Protein backbone atom coordinates (compact mmCIF):
# COMPACT_ATOMS: atom_id res chain seq x y z
CA MET A 1 150.31 91.10 87.56
CA ALA A 2 146.95 91.98 86.06
CA LYS A 3 146.68 94.44 83.25
CA LEU A 4 144.05 96.99 82.30
CA LYS A 5 142.69 97.24 78.79
CA VAL A 6 142.18 100.91 77.99
CA LYS A 7 140.36 102.30 74.95
CA VAL A 8 139.56 105.79 73.73
CA ASP A 9 136.50 106.12 71.50
CA TRP A 10 137.64 108.64 68.89
CA ASP A 11 134.04 109.23 67.81
CA LEU A 12 133.31 110.58 71.30
CA CYS A 13 136.66 112.28 72.02
CA ILE A 14 136.47 116.08 71.74
CA SER A 15 140.23 116.72 72.24
CA ASP A 16 139.69 118.48 75.55
CA GLY A 17 142.96 117.07 76.95
CA VAL A 18 141.84 116.35 80.51
CA CYS A 19 142.94 112.71 80.24
CA TYR A 20 146.52 113.47 79.26
CA ALA A 21 146.66 116.31 81.76
CA LEU A 22 145.63 113.93 84.58
CA CYS A 23 147.40 110.79 83.39
CA PRO A 24 150.30 111.56 81.02
CA GLN A 25 151.81 108.15 81.82
CA VAL A 26 149.05 106.57 79.69
CA PHE A 27 147.44 109.22 77.47
CA GLU A 28 148.83 111.73 75.00
CA ALA A 29 147.53 114.01 72.25
CA GLY A 30 147.50 112.49 68.80
CA PRO A 31 148.25 114.46 65.63
CA ASP A 32 144.66 115.74 65.53
CA GLY A 33 144.55 116.51 69.27
CA LYS A 34 142.43 113.49 70.11
CA SER A 35 143.63 111.32 72.95
CA GLN A 36 145.66 108.21 72.26
CA ILE A 37 147.62 105.71 74.32
CA VAL A 38 151.33 106.42 74.75
CA GLU A 39 153.58 104.24 72.63
CA GLN A 40 154.86 102.23 75.61
CA TYR A 41 151.39 100.78 76.28
CA ARG A 42 149.79 101.05 72.84
CA GLY A 43 148.31 98.06 71.08
CA ALA A 44 147.81 97.59 67.36
CA ASN A 45 145.87 100.86 67.23
CA PRO A 46 146.76 104.19 68.88
CA TRP A 47 143.37 104.38 70.64
CA GLU A 48 143.80 101.13 72.62
CA GLY A 49 146.36 99.52 74.83
CA GLU A 50 147.21 97.57 77.95
CA VAL A 51 148.59 99.23 81.05
CA PRO A 52 149.88 97.76 84.30
CA GLU A 53 147.46 97.62 87.20
CA ASP A 54 149.60 100.01 89.24
CA LEU A 55 148.40 102.81 86.92
CA GLU A 56 144.74 102.05 87.69
CA ASP A 57 144.17 105.15 89.84
CA CYS A 58 145.62 107.41 87.16
CA VAL A 59 143.56 105.80 84.38
CA GLU A 60 140.38 105.88 86.47
CA GLN A 61 140.84 109.59 87.21
CA ALA A 62 141.13 110.26 83.49
CA ARG A 63 138.13 108.05 82.68
CA THR A 64 135.98 109.75 85.30
CA ALA A 65 137.02 113.26 84.25
CA CYS A 66 136.43 112.72 80.52
CA PRO A 67 133.47 114.97 79.67
CA THR A 68 132.17 112.66 76.92
CA GLY A 69 132.84 109.26 78.48
CA ALA A 70 135.20 108.35 75.63
CA ILE A 71 137.51 106.24 77.84
CA THR A 72 136.75 102.67 78.83
CA VAL A 73 138.81 100.54 81.20
CA GLU A 74 138.53 96.77 81.70
CA LYS A 75 140.57 94.50 83.96
CA GLU A 76 142.08 91.52 82.21
């Protein structure tokens, strides 16, 4: 099964929370309110991770709704 590489650019993130409101399976608020990847899918850094392809719709909704474009998604 393919995976999706998801990243949150913390320089662009404004802690608005739309991503974790729309896709709590993948995103959560970090200690400073900025979005991070939930522990289950997190990589070496809290702002990046790999998620299963079956969460693509959820991740894409969050990416599209992000007001600053801080979320990127790539198929692996």
